[in-house]
Protein backbone atom coordinates (compact mmCIF):
# COMPACT_ATOMS: atom_id res chain seq x y z
CA UNK A 1 -13.98 -7.73 19.51
CA UNK A 2 -10.73 -5.75 19.28
CA UNK A 3 -11.05 -2.25 17.86
CA UNK A 4 -8.77 0.11 15.98
CA UNK A 5 -8.63 3.89 16.13
CA UNK A 6 -6.61 6.44 14.12
CA UNK A 7 -3.16 7.55 15.18
CA UNK A 8 -0.82 10.23 13.93
CA UNK A 9 1.80 8.21 12.12
CA UNK A 10 0.32 5.24 10.36
CA UNK A 11 -1.81 6.23 7.39
CA UNK A 12 -0.38 7.19 4.05
CA UNK A 13 -2.71 9.30 1.92
CA UNK A 14 -0.66 11.09 -0.75
CA UNK A 15 -3.60 12.83 -2.40
CA UNK A 16 -5.45 14.28 0.57
CA UNK A 17 -6.73 17.78 0.03
CA UNK A 18 -4.78 19.94 2.54
CA UNK A 19 -6.49 22.12 5.18
CA UNK A 20 -9.98 20.78 4.48
CA UNK A 21 -12.27 20.44 7.51
CA UNK A 22 -12.67 16.76 8.46
CA UNK A 23 -15.99 15.15 7.58
CA UNK A 24 -17.93 12.84 9.87
CA UNK A 25 -18.02 9.16 8.86
CA UNK A 26 -21.30 7.94 7.37
CA UNK A 27 -20.63 4.54 8.96
CA UNK A 28 -20.27 4.42 12.74
CA UNK A 29 -18.88 0.90 13.10
CA UNK A 30 -17.35 -1.62 10.71
CA UNK A 31 -17.05 -5.35 11.32
CA UNK A 32 -14.32 -6.94 9.19
CA UNK A 33 -14.12 -10.65 9.91
CA UNK A 34 -14.29 -10.64 13.70
CA UNK A 35 -12.62 -7.22 14.01
CA UNK A 36 -14.46 -4.10 15.12
CA UNK A 37 -13.08 -0.95 13.47
CA UNK A 38 -14.17 2.68 13.95
CA UNK A 39 -14.11 4.54 10.60
CA UNK A 40 -12.39 7.90 10.33
CA UNK A 41 -13.99 9.44 7.23
CA UNK A 42 -17.11 9.02 5.07
CA UNK A 43 -17.19 6.66 2.13
CA UNK A 44 -19.39 6.43 -0.95
CA UNK A 45 -21.48 3.43 0.04
CA UNK A 46 -24.96 3.69 -1.57
CA UNK A 47 -27.53 4.79 0.99
CA UNK A 48 -30.04 2.15 -0.11
CA UNK A 49 -27.41 -0.54 0.50
CA UNK A 50 -26.35 0.52 4.00
CA UNK A 51 -29.77 1.47 5.35
CA UNK A 52 -29.72 5.25 5.15
CA UNK A 53 -27.42 8.27 5.14
CA UNK A 54 -25.59 6.99 8.21
CA UNK A 55 -25.22 3.32 9.06
CA UNK A 56 -24.64 2.33 12.67
CA UNK A 57 -23.09 -1.00 11.68
CA UNK A 58 -21.61 -2.18 8.38
CA UNK A 59 -20.48 -5.78 7.98
CA UNK A 60 -17.69 -6.30 5.45
CA UNK A 61 -16.38 -9.63 4.17
CA UNK A 62 -12.69 -9.89 4.96
CA UNK A 63 -12.05 -11.89 1.78
CA UNK A 64 -13.99 -10.17 -1.04
CA UNK A 65 -14.99 -6.94 0.81
CA UNK A 66 -18.67 -7.23 -0.07
CA UNK A 67 -20.77 -5.45 2.51
CA UNK A 68 -24.18 -5.48 4.18
CA UNK A 69 -25.92 -3.62 6.96
CA UNK A 70 -27.72 -6.87 7.89
CA UNK A 71 -25.86 -9.28 10.11
CA UNK A 72 -27.79 -12.35 8.91
CA UNK A 73 -26.84 -11.75 5.27
CA UNK A 74 -23.27 -11.13 6.33
CA UNK A 75 -23.16 -14.33 8.38
CA UNK A 76 -24.55 -16.38 5.51
CA UNK A 77 -21.94 -14.94 3.15
CA UNK A 78 -18.93 -15.36 5.45
CA UNK A 79 -19.76 -18.71 7.05
CA UNK A 80 -16.96 -21.27 6.77
CA UNK A 81 -19.04 -23.78 4.89
CA UNK A 82 -17.88 -27.36 4.20
CA UNK A 83 -21.03 -28.09 2.16
CA UNK A 84 -20.26 -29.50 -1.32
CA UNK A 85 -20.02 -26.77 -3.98
CA UNK A 86 -22.91 -28.15 -6.05
CA UNK A 87 -25.48 -27.24 -3.40
CA UNK A 88 -27.52 -24.04 -3.25
CA UNK A 89 -26.30 -23.22 0.24
CA UNK A 90 -22.69 -23.22 -0.86
CA UNK A 91 -23.32 -20.53 -3.48
CA UNK A 92 -24.26 -18.05 -0.74
CA UNK A 93 -20.86 -18.34 0.92
CA UNK A 94 -17.93 -16.19 -0.17
CA UNK A 95 -16.02 -17.98 -2.95
CA UNK A 96 -12.76 -16.40 -1.74
CA UNK A 97 -12.94 -17.87 1.76
CA UNK A 98 -10.61 -20.72 0.72
CA UNK A 99 -9.02 -19.36 -2.46
CA UNK A 100 -6.54 -16.54 -3.19
CA UNK A 101 -7.70 -13.03 -4.07
CA UNK A 102 -8.11 -12.29 -7.78
CA UNK A 103 -5.27 -11.15 -9.99
CA UNK A 104 -1.72 -12.32 -10.61
CA UNK A 105 0.95 -12.94 -7.99
CA UNK A 106 3.82 -10.50 -8.59
CA UNK A 107 5.68 -10.93 -5.29
CA UNK A 108 5.96 -13.87 -2.92
CA UNK A 109 8.44 -14.15 -0.09
CA UNK A 110 8.18 -15.00 3.57
CA UNK A 111 5.07 -13.51 5.13
CA UNK A 112 4.28 -11.26 2.16
CA UNK A 113 2.39 -11.87 -1.08
CA UNK A 114 1.42 -9.07 -3.48
CA UNK A 115 -1.07 -9.47 -6.31
CA UNK A 116 -1.66 -7.26 -9.32
CA UNK A 117 -5.37 -6.77 -10.04
CA UNK A 118 -6.71 -5.07 -13.16
CA UNK A 119 -9.68 -2.93 -12.17
CA UNK A 120 -11.28 -3.54 -15.56
CA UNK A 121 -11.14 -7.33 -15.13
CA UNK A 122 -12.15 -7.46 -11.45
CA UNK A 123 -14.43 -4.46 -11.19
CA UNK A 124 -16.55 -5.48 -8.18
CA UNK A 125 -13.55 -6.53 -6.09
CA UNK A 126 -11.76 -3.25 -6.85
CA UNK A 127 -14.88 -1.20 -6.06
CA UNK A 128 -15.49 -2.97 -2.76
CA UNK A 129 -11.85 -2.62 -1.76
CA UNK A 130 -11.93 1.09 -2.62
CA UNK A 131 -15.17 1.73 -0.73
CA UNK A 132 -13.77 0.19 2.44
CA UNK A 133 -10.48 2.07 2.13
CA UNK A 134 -12.28 5.41 1.80
CA UNK A 135 -13.46 5.03 5.41
CA UNK A 136 -9.81 5.53 6.42
CA UNK A 137 -8.63 7.97 3.73
CA UNK A 138 -9.45 11.65 3.67
CA UNK A 139 -8.89 11.95 -0.05
CA UNK A 140 -10.70 12.38 -3.33
CA UNK A 141 -10.49 9.08 -5.18
CA UNK A 142 -12.18 7.06 -7.91
CA UNK A 143 -14.38 4.28 -6.54
CA UNK A 144 -16.74 3.29 -9.32
CA UNK A 145 -14.77 3.85 -12.54
CA UNK A 146 -11.93 1.54 -11.51
CA UNK A 147 -11.10 0.31 -15.02
CA UNK A 148 -8.16 2.70 -15.48
CA UNK A 149 -6.40 1.55 -12.29
CA UNK A 150 -4.25 -1.35 -11.17
CA UNK A 151 -4.54 -2.55 -7.58
CA UNK A 152 -1.81 -4.20 -5.54
CA UNK A 153 -3.18 -5.86 -2.38
CA UNK A 154 -0.70 -7.01 0.26
CA UNK A 155 -1.55 -10.46 1.60
CA UNK A 156 -0.06 -11.28 4.97
CA UNK A 157 0.82 -14.76 6.12
CA UNK A 158 0.84 -14.11 9.84
CA UNK A 159 1.49 -17.02 12.15
CA UNK A 160 1.65 -14.80 15.23
CA UNK A 161 -1.81 -13.24 14.90
CA UNK A 162 -3.95 -15.98 13.39
CA UNK A 163 -6.50 -15.50 16.17
CA UNK A 164 -7.28 -11.94 15.01
CA UNK A 165 -9.40 -13.06 12.02
CA UNK A 166 -10.81 -16.40 10.90
CA UNK A 167 -7.99 -18.45 9.42
CA UNK A 168 -7.40 -18.57 5.68
CA UNK A 169 -5.10 -21.03 3.94
CA UNK A 170 -3.61 -18.30 1.73
CA UNK A 171 -3.47 -15.22 3.94
CA UNK A 172 -5.29 -11.98 4.74
CA UNK A 173 -5.37 -8.82 2.64
CA UNK A 174 -4.13 -6.16 5.06
CA UNK A 175 -3.77 -3.18 2.70
CA UNK A 176 -3.03 -2.15 -0.86
CA UNK A 177 -1.85 0.55 -3.18
CA UNK A 178 -3.29 1.53 -6.52
CA UNK A 179 -1.94 3.36 -9.52
CA UNK A 180 -3.18 4.59 -12.86
CA UNK A 181 -2.43 2.36 -15.82
CA UNK A 182 -1.21 5.43 -17.66
CA UNK A 183 0.08 8.35 -15.62
CA UNK A 184 1.36 11.36 -17.51
CA UNK A 185 3.27 12.39 -14.38
CA UNK A 186 4.86 8.93 -13.96
CA UNK A 187 3.14 8.51 -10.59
CA UNK A 188 3.73 5.07 -9.15
CA UNK A 189 1.00 5.39 -6.50
CA UNK A 190 -2.48 6.91 -6.58
CA UNK A 191 -3.70 5.64 -3.21
CA UNK A 192 -2.04 3.61 -0.46
CA UNK A 193 -3.40 2.24 2.80
CA UNK A 194 -2.80 -0.37 5.46
CA UNK A 195 -6.05 -1.22 7.23
CA UNK A 196 -6.06 -0.04 10.88
CA UNK A 197 -5.80 -3.46 12.59
CA UNK A 198 -2.48 -4.10 10.82
CA UNK A 199 -0.91 -0.67 11.09
CA UNK A 200 2.23 0.21 13.10
CA UNK A 201 4.01 -2.86 11.73
CA UNK A 202 5.99 -1.32 8.87
CA UNK A 203 3.69 -2.76 6.21
CA UNK A 204 3.12 0.62 4.58
CA UNK A 205 6.85 0.87 3.95
CA UNK A 206 6.75 -2.56 2.30
CA UNK A 207 4.05 -1.34 -0.12
CA UNK A 208 6.01 1.83 -0.91
CA UNK A 209 9.12 -0.25 -1.59
CA UNK A 210 7.12 -2.52 -3.90
CA UNK A 211 5.79 0.48 -5.84
CA UNK A 212 9.34 1.72 -6.47
CA UNK A 213 10.59 -1.72 -7.43
CA UNK A 214 7.81 -2.00 -9.99
CA UNK A 215 8.82 1.42 -11.32
CA UNK A 216 12.40 0.20 -11.61
CA UNK A 217 11.22 -2.77 -13.64
CA UNK A 218 9.24 -0.48 -15.91
CA UNK A 219 12.38 1.59 -16.43
CA UNK A 220 10.95 4.94 -15.35
CA UNK A 221 11.25 7.29 -12.41
CA UNK A 222 8.15 8.12 -10.43
CA UNK A 223 6.64 8.78 -7.06
CA UNK A 224 3.28 9.25 -5.33
CA UNK A 225 0.66 11.66 -6.58
CA UNK A 226 1.21 15.19 -5.32
CA UNK A 227 0.62 17.10 -3.17
CA UNK A 228 1.46 14.87 -0.25
CA UNK A 229 -0.51 15.23 2.95
CA UNK A 230 1.49 15.79 6.13
CA UNK A 231 1.14 12.14 7.11
CA UNK A 232 1.82 10.92 3.60
CA UNK A 233 4.96 13.04 3.43
CA UNK A 234 6.16 11.62 6.74
CA UNK A 235 5.87 8.05 5.46
CA UNK A 236 7.51 8.76 2.13
CA UNK A 237 10.36 10.80 3.59
CA UNK A 238 11.08 7.91 5.95
CA UNK A 239 11.28 5.57 2.97
CA UNK A 240 13.43 7.93 0.87
CA UNK A 241 15.86 8.43 3.75
CA UNK A 242 16.18 4.70 4.37
CA UNK A 243 16.82 3.98 0.69
CA UNK A 244 19.45 6.73 0.46
CA UNK A 245 21.12 5.32 3.56
CA UNK A 246 21.23 1.82 2.07
CA UNK A 247 22.79 3.17 -1.12
CA UNK A 248 25.45 5.09 0.79
CA UNK A 249 26.48 2.24 3.08
CA UNK A 250 26.70 -0.11 0.10
CA UNK A 251 29.77 1.88 -1.00
CA UNK A 252 31.80 2.20 2.22
CA UNK A 253 34.93 3.49 0.52
CA UNK A 254 33.11 6.29 -1.29
CA UNK A 255 32.67 9.57 0.56
CA UNK A 256 31.52 11.85 -2.25
CA UNK A 257 28.46 11.17 -4.39
CA UNK A 258 26.17 13.12 -6.68
CA UNK A 259 22.43 13.42 -6.20
CA UNK A 260 22.02 12.05 -9.72
CA UNK A 261 23.96 8.90 -8.80
CA UNK A 262 21.67 8.28 -5.83
CA UNK A 263 18.57 8.93 -7.91
CA UNK A 264 19.60 6.59 -10.73
CA UNK A 265 20.47 3.82 -8.29
CA UNK A 266 17.31 4.07 -6.17
CA UNK A 267 14.80 5.27 -8.80
CA UNK A 268 13.82 8.04 -6.40
CA UNK A 269 13.27 11.38 -8.10
CA UNK A 270 16.04 13.97 -7.81
CA UNK A 271 14.00 16.39 -5.73
CA UNK A 272 13.00 13.60 -3.34
CA UNK A 273 16.65 12.57 -2.89
CA UNK A 274 17.43 16.18 -1.95
CA UNK A 275 14.58 16.13 0.58
CA UNK A 276 15.97 12.95 2.10
CA UNK A 277 19.55 14.26 2.37
CA UNK A 278 18.35 17.43 4.07
CA UNK A 279 16.18 15.45 6.45
CA UNK A 280 19.03 13.10 7.37
CA UNK A 281 21.57 15.92 7.89
CA UNK A 282 24.53 13.68 7.05
CA UNK A 283 26.40 15.90 4.58
CA UNK A 284 29.49 17.95 5.15
CA UNK A 285 29.32 21.65 4.27
CA UNK A 286 31.93 21.35 1.53
CA UNK A 287 31.41 19.90 -1.96
CA UNK A 288 33.82 18.44 -4.47
CA UNK A 289 35.07 20.34 -7.48
CA UNK A 290 32.55 18.44 -9.62
CA UNK A 291 29.66 19.47 -7.40
CA UNK A 292 29.21 16.13 -5.63
CA UNK A 293 28.16 16.13 -1.98
CA UNK A 294 30.41 14.70 0.74
CA UNK A 295 28.88 12.26 3.23
CA UNK A 296 29.87 12.38 6.89
CA UNK A 297 30.10 8.68 7.73
CA UNK A 298 29.80 9.24 11.48
CA UNK A 299 26.56 11.19 11.07
CA UNK A 300 25.26 8.54 8.69
CA UNK A 301 25.82 5.74 11.22
CA UNK A 302 24.29 7.84 14.00
CA UNK A 303 21.23 8.58 11.88
CA UNK A 304 20.69 4.87 11.15
CA UNK A 305 20.99 3.92 14.82
CA UNK A 306 18.69 6.72 15.89
CA UNK A 307 16.01 5.77 13.37
CA UNK A 308 16.58 2.00 13.63
CA UNK A 309 17.15 1.60 9.90
CA UNK A 310 18.84 -1.58 8.72
CA UNK A 311 20.92 -2.30 5.66
CA UNK A 312 18.56 -4.90 4.18
CA UNK A 313 16.06 -3.85 1.53
CA UNK A 314 12.39 -3.93 2.47
CA UNK A 315 11.51 -6.15 -0.50
CA UNK A 316 13.61 -8.72 -2.31
CA UNK A 317 13.95 -7.93 -6.01
CA UNK A 318 14.43 -11.62 -6.77
CA UNK A 319 11.05 -12.47 -5.21
CA UNK A 320 9.14 -10.56 -7.89
CA UNK A 321 7.69 -12.99 -10.37
CA UNK A 322 7.87 -10.65 -13.39
CA UNK A 323 11.43 -10.28 -14.60
CA UNK A 324 12.80 -6.95 -15.80
CA UNK A 325 13.58 -8.40 -19.22
CA UNK A 326 9.94 -9.40 -19.68
CA UNK A 327 8.76 -5.88 -18.98
CA UNK A 328 11.32 -4.45 -21.40
CA UNK A 329 10.28 -6.91 -24.12
CA UNK A 330 6.59 -6.00 -23.67
CA UNK A 331 7.47 -2.33 -24.00
CA UNK A 332 9.49 -2.99 -27.16
CA UNK A 333 6.58 -4.86 -28.75
CA UNK A 334 4.20 -2.01 -27.96
CA UNK A 335 6.59 0.52 -29.44
CA UNK A 336 6.80 -1.50 -32.61
């Protein structure tokens, strides 16, 4: 079976505690579908459920993320079973093997589908998803009290890699982000991860873009929970820079612009726009009388070519199934 190991530029963990000594995984090997994955960090799987303080093998359902340390139980649960649903044998098989994940579809275009899952309504699914993700996140997170969080799994329709996991008529969950239902800091992400077998494909950037688009539709500015880890910062700075670039090239006749203008157009916080502009190094030393910055168009084009950033947005706003007006109306009703 193919395996996946950690690299230096693919995991986004905004809430990792900095400078903490790494802990050894309490699971040595994970089987997800027919994929063999080596965990990076310990998770909070109950010892009595995984066969001790350290499990050599953990078998995880690729559809519902239930787990077992016993391969026979795992096989019975994940078998592709054509038996009629009114039989006892059928009830042992995963009910999600031929149906979509729980929750509501909020985005659907091309190879990408994103659901919104309420942790209070789908508690077991959210817990199982969180437990698996902790094996690849060095971060303090909530895994059992999931009722105050919303989860946004990314489902991939992938025609090129259908041999990597047993086929599913809807698609495979390849990662997710979560956020608090009510964040006093306006955070739009609490935790974000693409599972190792699907990393290095730009899917983390798609999830980040979706989190900002949802923030736009809610009419509020936000960002990931702070502090950012080094790897989390790298991923977010890449996204901020790309979004600033797309805003600037959308107005080719405009050389001067204020940080506030960029922030209001992209829904990226002011301080994060400043970080992006410094990282890109595309500004001239002079400013306008009104304090706006002046963009050096040649440097901007060179930066885009060097970083292979295109002009198209990572997600299509029109492919979100919840319209902005609906969100605004819900907010108005709550206020009243």
